[in-house]
N, C-alpha and C. Protein backbone atom coordinates (compact mmCIF):
# COMPACT_ATOMS: atom_id res chain seq x y z
N CYS A 1 20.34 10.68 -5.58
CA CYS A 1 21.21 11.63 -4.92
C CYS A 1 20.45 12.30 -3.78
N SER A 2 21.19 12.86 -2.89
CA SER A 2 20.57 13.54 -1.76
C SER A 2 21.43 14.73 -1.36
N ALA A 3 20.81 15.88 -1.38
CA ALA A 3 21.50 17.08 -0.93
C ALA A 3 21.63 17.07 0.58
N LEU A 4 20.65 16.48 1.26
CA LEU A 4 20.69 16.42 2.72
C LEU A 4 21.84 15.54 3.21
N LYS A 5 22.03 14.42 2.50
CA LYS A 5 23.09 13.49 2.91
C LYS A 5 24.38 13.71 2.13
N ASP A 6 24.34 14.66 1.20
CA ASP A 6 25.51 15.00 0.38
C ASP A 6 26.06 13.76 -0.34
N THR A 7 25.12 13.04 -0.99
CA THR A 7 25.54 11.85 -1.73
C THR A 7 24.99 11.91 -3.16
N GLY A 8 25.80 11.51 -4.10
CA GLY A 8 25.37 11.37 -5.48
C GLY A 8 25.25 12.67 -6.27
N ILE A 9 25.51 13.79 -5.66
CA ILE A 9 25.34 15.07 -6.34
C ILE A 9 26.32 15.19 -7.50
N GLU A 10 27.57 14.82 -7.26
CA GLU A 10 28.58 14.90 -8.31
C GLU A 10 28.21 14.01 -9.49
N LYS A 11 27.67 12.84 -9.21
CA LYS A 11 27.28 11.90 -10.26
C LYS A 11 26.15 12.49 -11.12
N VAL A 12 25.16 13.10 -10.48
CA VAL A 12 24.06 13.72 -11.21
C VAL A 12 24.57 14.91 -12.01
N TRP A 13 25.42 15.71 -11.40
CA TRP A 13 25.96 16.88 -12.10
C TRP A 13 26.77 16.45 -13.33
N ASN A 14 27.54 15.41 -13.20
CA ASN A 14 28.30 14.90 -14.35
C ASN A 14 27.37 14.40 -15.46
N ALA A 15 26.27 13.79 -15.08
CA ALA A 15 25.28 13.35 -16.07
C ALA A 15 24.68 14.54 -16.80
N VAL A 16 24.43 15.61 -16.08
CA VAL A 16 23.91 16.84 -16.70
C VAL A 16 24.94 17.40 -17.68
N LEU A 17 26.20 17.47 -17.27
CA LEU A 17 27.25 17.98 -18.15
C LEU A 17 27.42 17.11 -19.39
N GLU A 18 27.32 15.79 -19.21
CA GLU A 18 27.41 14.88 -20.35
C GLU A 18 26.26 15.12 -21.33
N TYR A 19 25.09 15.32 -20.79
CA TYR A 19 23.93 15.57 -21.65
C TYR A 19 24.10 16.87 -22.44
N ILE A 20 24.56 17.90 -21.76
CA ILE A 20 24.81 19.18 -22.44
C ILE A 20 25.82 19.01 -23.56
N GLU A 21 26.89 18.32 -23.28
CA GLU A 21 27.91 18.07 -24.29
C GLU A 21 27.35 17.26 -25.46
N PHE A 22 26.54 16.26 -25.14
CA PHE A 22 25.93 15.42 -26.17
C PHE A 22 25.02 16.25 -27.08
N THR A 23 24.17 17.09 -26.49
CA THR A 23 23.25 17.90 -27.29
C THR A 23 23.98 18.97 -28.10
N LYS A 24 25.11 19.44 -27.59
CA LYS A 24 25.92 20.38 -28.37
C LYS A 24 26.56 19.67 -29.55
N SER A 25 27.12 18.49 -29.31
CA SER A 25 27.86 17.78 -30.35
C SER A 25 26.96 17.27 -31.48
N ASN A 26 25.71 16.93 -31.18
CA ASN A 26 24.83 16.42 -32.25
C ASN A 26 23.98 17.54 -32.87
N GLY A 27 24.16 18.78 -32.44
CA GLY A 27 23.46 19.92 -33.03
C GLY A 27 22.07 20.17 -32.47
N PHE A 28 21.61 19.32 -31.56
CA PHE A 28 20.27 19.46 -31.02
C PHE A 28 20.10 20.79 -30.28
N LEU A 29 21.08 21.15 -29.47
CA LEU A 29 20.98 22.37 -28.68
C LEU A 29 20.86 23.59 -29.58
N GLU A 30 21.71 23.68 -30.59
CA GLU A 30 21.67 24.82 -31.51
C GLU A 30 20.36 24.85 -32.30
N GLU A 31 19.92 23.68 -32.74
CA GLU A 31 18.66 23.59 -33.48
C GLU A 31 17.49 24.05 -32.61
N GLN A 32 17.50 23.62 -31.37
CA GLN A 32 16.44 24.00 -30.44
C GLN A 32 16.44 25.51 -30.20
N ARG A 33 17.60 26.09 -30.06
CA ARG A 33 17.70 27.54 -29.86
C ARG A 33 17.18 28.29 -31.07
N MET A 34 17.48 27.82 -32.27
CA MET A 34 16.99 28.47 -33.49
C MET A 34 15.47 28.35 -33.57
N ARG A 35 14.94 27.16 -33.21
CA ARG A 35 13.49 26.95 -33.21
C ARG A 35 12.81 27.90 -32.22
N GLN A 36 13.42 28.07 -31.06
CA GLN A 36 12.85 28.97 -30.06
C GLN A 36 12.92 30.42 -30.52
N ALA A 37 14.01 30.81 -31.15
CA ALA A 37 14.14 32.18 -31.65
C ALA A 37 13.06 32.47 -32.70
N LYS A 38 12.84 31.51 -33.59
CA LYS A 38 11.80 31.65 -34.62
C LYS A 38 10.43 31.74 -33.96
N TYR A 39 10.17 30.88 -32.98
CA TYR A 39 8.90 30.90 -32.28
C TYR A 39 8.64 32.27 -31.66
N TRP A 40 9.64 32.83 -30.95
CA TRP A 40 9.44 34.11 -30.28
C TRP A 40 9.28 35.26 -31.26
N MET A 41 9.91 35.15 -32.44
CA MET A 41 9.71 36.17 -33.46
C MET A 41 8.24 36.20 -33.87
N TYR A 42 7.69 35.04 -34.19
CA TYR A 42 6.28 34.96 -34.60
C TYR A 42 5.34 35.30 -33.45
N GLU A 43 5.69 34.91 -32.26
CA GLU A 43 4.86 35.22 -31.09
C GLU A 43 4.75 36.73 -30.90
N TYR A 44 5.87 37.43 -31.05
CA TYR A 44 5.85 38.89 -30.91
C TYR A 44 5.01 39.53 -32.00
N ILE A 45 5.16 39.06 -33.25
CA ILE A 45 4.36 39.60 -34.35
C ILE A 45 2.87 39.39 -34.07
N ASN A 46 2.50 38.19 -33.67
CA ASN A 46 1.09 37.90 -33.37
C ASN A 46 0.55 38.78 -32.26
N GLU A 47 1.34 38.95 -31.22
CA GLU A 47 0.90 39.77 -30.10
C GLU A 47 0.74 41.24 -30.51
N ALA A 48 1.69 41.76 -31.28
CA ALA A 48 1.62 43.15 -31.72
C ALA A 48 0.41 43.38 -32.62
N LEU A 49 0.17 42.46 -33.57
CA LEU A 49 -1.00 42.59 -34.44
C LEU A 49 -2.30 42.48 -33.65
N HIS A 50 -2.35 41.54 -32.75
CA HIS A 50 -3.52 41.37 -31.88
C HIS A 50 -3.82 42.66 -31.12
N ASP A 51 -2.80 43.19 -30.45
CA ASP A 51 -2.99 44.41 -29.66
C ASP A 51 -3.41 45.58 -30.54
N HIS A 52 -2.78 45.74 -31.69
CA HIS A 52 -3.12 46.85 -32.58
C HIS A 52 -4.55 46.73 -33.07
N PHE A 53 -4.95 45.54 -33.47
CA PHE A 53 -6.31 45.30 -33.95
C PHE A 53 -7.34 45.65 -32.88
N PHE A 54 -7.19 45.09 -31.69
CA PHE A 54 -8.20 45.25 -30.65
C PHE A 54 -8.16 46.61 -29.97
N ASN A 55 -7.16 47.43 -30.24
CA ASN A 55 -7.10 48.77 -29.66
C ASN A 55 -7.61 49.86 -30.60
N GLN A 56 -8.11 49.49 -31.77
CA GLN A 56 -8.70 50.46 -32.70
C GLN A 56 -10.12 50.77 -32.24
N GLU A 57 -10.43 52.07 -32.08
CA GLU A 57 -11.75 52.45 -31.58
C GLU A 57 -12.88 51.94 -32.46
N GLU A 58 -12.71 52.04 -33.78
CA GLU A 58 -13.76 51.56 -34.69
C GLU A 58 -14.00 50.06 -34.51
N ILE A 59 -12.94 49.34 -34.33
CA ILE A 59 -13.04 47.89 -34.15
C ILE A 59 -13.71 47.58 -32.81
N LYS A 60 -13.32 48.28 -31.76
CA LYS A 60 -13.92 48.04 -30.44
C LYS A 60 -15.44 48.19 -30.48
N GLU A 61 -15.90 49.27 -31.11
CA GLU A 61 -17.34 49.53 -31.17
C GLU A 61 -18.07 48.47 -31.99
N LYS A 62 -17.54 48.19 -33.16
CA LYS A 62 -18.18 47.23 -34.05
C LYS A 62 -18.10 45.82 -33.46
N LEU A 63 -17.03 45.51 -32.77
CA LEU A 63 -16.85 44.19 -32.17
C LEU A 63 -17.95 43.90 -31.14
N LYS A 64 -18.26 44.89 -30.32
CA LYS A 64 -19.32 44.70 -29.32
C LYS A 64 -20.65 44.40 -29.99
N MET A 65 -20.96 45.19 -31.03
CA MET A 65 -22.22 45.01 -31.74
C MET A 65 -22.28 43.63 -32.41
N PHE A 66 -21.19 43.27 -33.11
CA PHE A 66 -21.16 41.99 -33.80
C PHE A 66 -21.19 40.81 -32.82
N GLU A 67 -20.53 40.98 -31.69
CA GLU A 67 -20.50 39.92 -30.69
C GLU A 67 -21.92 39.58 -30.23
N HIS A 68 -22.70 40.61 -29.97
CA HIS A 68 -24.09 40.38 -29.55
C HIS A 68 -24.89 39.69 -30.66
N LYS A 69 -24.69 40.13 -31.89
CA LYS A 69 -25.43 39.53 -33.00
C LYS A 69 -25.04 38.06 -33.19
N VAL A 70 -23.76 37.75 -33.04
CA VAL A 70 -23.30 36.37 -33.19
C VAL A 70 -23.88 35.50 -32.07
N ILE A 71 -23.83 35.99 -30.85
CA ILE A 71 -24.36 35.24 -29.70
C ILE A 71 -25.86 35.00 -29.83
N GLU A 72 -26.56 36.00 -30.37
CA GLU A 72 -28.02 35.88 -30.54
C GLU A 72 -28.38 35.07 -31.78
N GLY A 73 -27.39 34.68 -32.57
CA GLY A 73 -27.65 33.90 -33.77
C GLY A 73 -28.13 34.74 -34.94
N LYS A 74 -27.95 36.05 -34.86
CA LYS A 74 -28.41 36.95 -35.92
C LYS A 74 -27.33 37.22 -36.96
N MET A 75 -26.11 36.75 -36.67
CA MET A 75 -25.00 36.96 -37.61
C MET A 75 -24.06 35.77 -37.53
N ASN A 76 -23.57 35.38 -38.68
CA ASN A 76 -22.60 34.30 -38.78
C ASN A 76 -21.25 34.77 -38.25
N SER A 77 -20.59 33.94 -37.44
CA SER A 77 -19.32 34.35 -36.83
C SER A 77 -18.23 34.59 -37.87
N PHE A 78 -18.25 33.83 -38.96
CA PHE A 78 -17.25 34.02 -40.01
C PHE A 78 -17.48 35.33 -40.76
N PHE A 79 -18.74 35.67 -41.01
CA PHE A 79 -19.05 36.94 -41.64
C PHE A 79 -18.61 38.09 -40.75
N ALA A 80 -18.91 37.98 -39.46
CA ALA A 80 -18.55 39.04 -38.51
C ALA A 80 -17.04 39.25 -38.47
N SER A 81 -16.29 38.17 -38.33
CA SER A 81 -14.84 38.31 -38.23
C SER A 81 -14.25 38.84 -39.54
N ARG A 82 -14.76 38.37 -40.67
CA ARG A 82 -14.26 38.85 -41.96
C ARG A 82 -14.54 40.34 -42.13
N ASN A 83 -15.73 40.75 -41.75
CA ASN A 83 -16.10 42.15 -41.85
C ASN A 83 -15.20 43.02 -40.98
N LEU A 84 -14.93 42.57 -39.76
CA LEU A 84 -14.06 43.32 -38.86
C LEU A 84 -12.63 43.42 -39.41
N ILE A 85 -12.14 42.33 -39.94
CA ILE A 85 -10.78 42.33 -40.49
C ILE A 85 -10.70 43.23 -41.72
N GLU A 86 -11.71 43.18 -42.58
CA GLU A 86 -11.72 44.05 -43.76
C GLU A 86 -11.76 45.52 -43.34
N ASP A 87 -12.57 45.84 -42.37
CA ASP A 87 -12.62 47.22 -41.87
C ASP A 87 -11.27 47.65 -41.29
N TYR A 88 -10.65 46.75 -40.59
CA TYR A 88 -9.35 47.05 -40.00
C TYR A 88 -8.33 47.39 -41.09
N PHE A 89 -8.27 46.57 -42.12
CA PHE A 89 -7.30 46.83 -43.18
C PHE A 89 -7.65 48.08 -43.99
N LYS A 90 -8.93 48.36 -44.16
CA LYS A 90 -9.33 49.59 -44.85
C LYS A 90 -8.86 50.81 -44.06
N SER A 91 -9.10 50.81 -42.77
CA SER A 91 -8.68 51.95 -41.95
C SER A 91 -7.16 52.03 -41.85
N PHE A 92 -6.53 50.88 -41.82
CA PHE A 92 -5.07 50.84 -41.76
C PHE A 92 -4.47 51.40 -43.05
N ASN A 93 -5.03 51.03 -44.20
CA ASN A 93 -4.51 51.51 -45.48
C ASN A 93 -4.76 53.01 -45.67
N LYS A 94 -5.82 53.56 -45.06
CA LYS A 94 -6.08 55.01 -45.13
C LYS A 94 -4.97 55.78 -44.42
N ASN A 95 -4.42 55.19 -43.37
CA ASN A 95 -3.42 55.89 -42.56
C ASN A 95 -2.01 55.78 -43.12
N ILE A 96 -1.84 55.00 -44.17
CA ILE A 96 -0.49 54.85 -44.75
C ILE A 96 -0.21 55.95 -45.74
């Protein structure tokens, strides 16, 4: 098709409409929308938890210290992350 020559546009548009109708009739479109809605729900939860975790002053301070120790090989990265997460939940549970 060519928009410049004004040829084939209707044919392409009809193919698009046929595809939309096909995906609606076989349930693909609805299934895809549900999958996307679920994805965005989890994405928002992950982002909110991430932001809350990294904005805690205690975590910020300890994170810097642990980061240096991990980079220098003085601390295991799994120990550091577990310790930070445990501290986060301890402080979080105190505030409830």
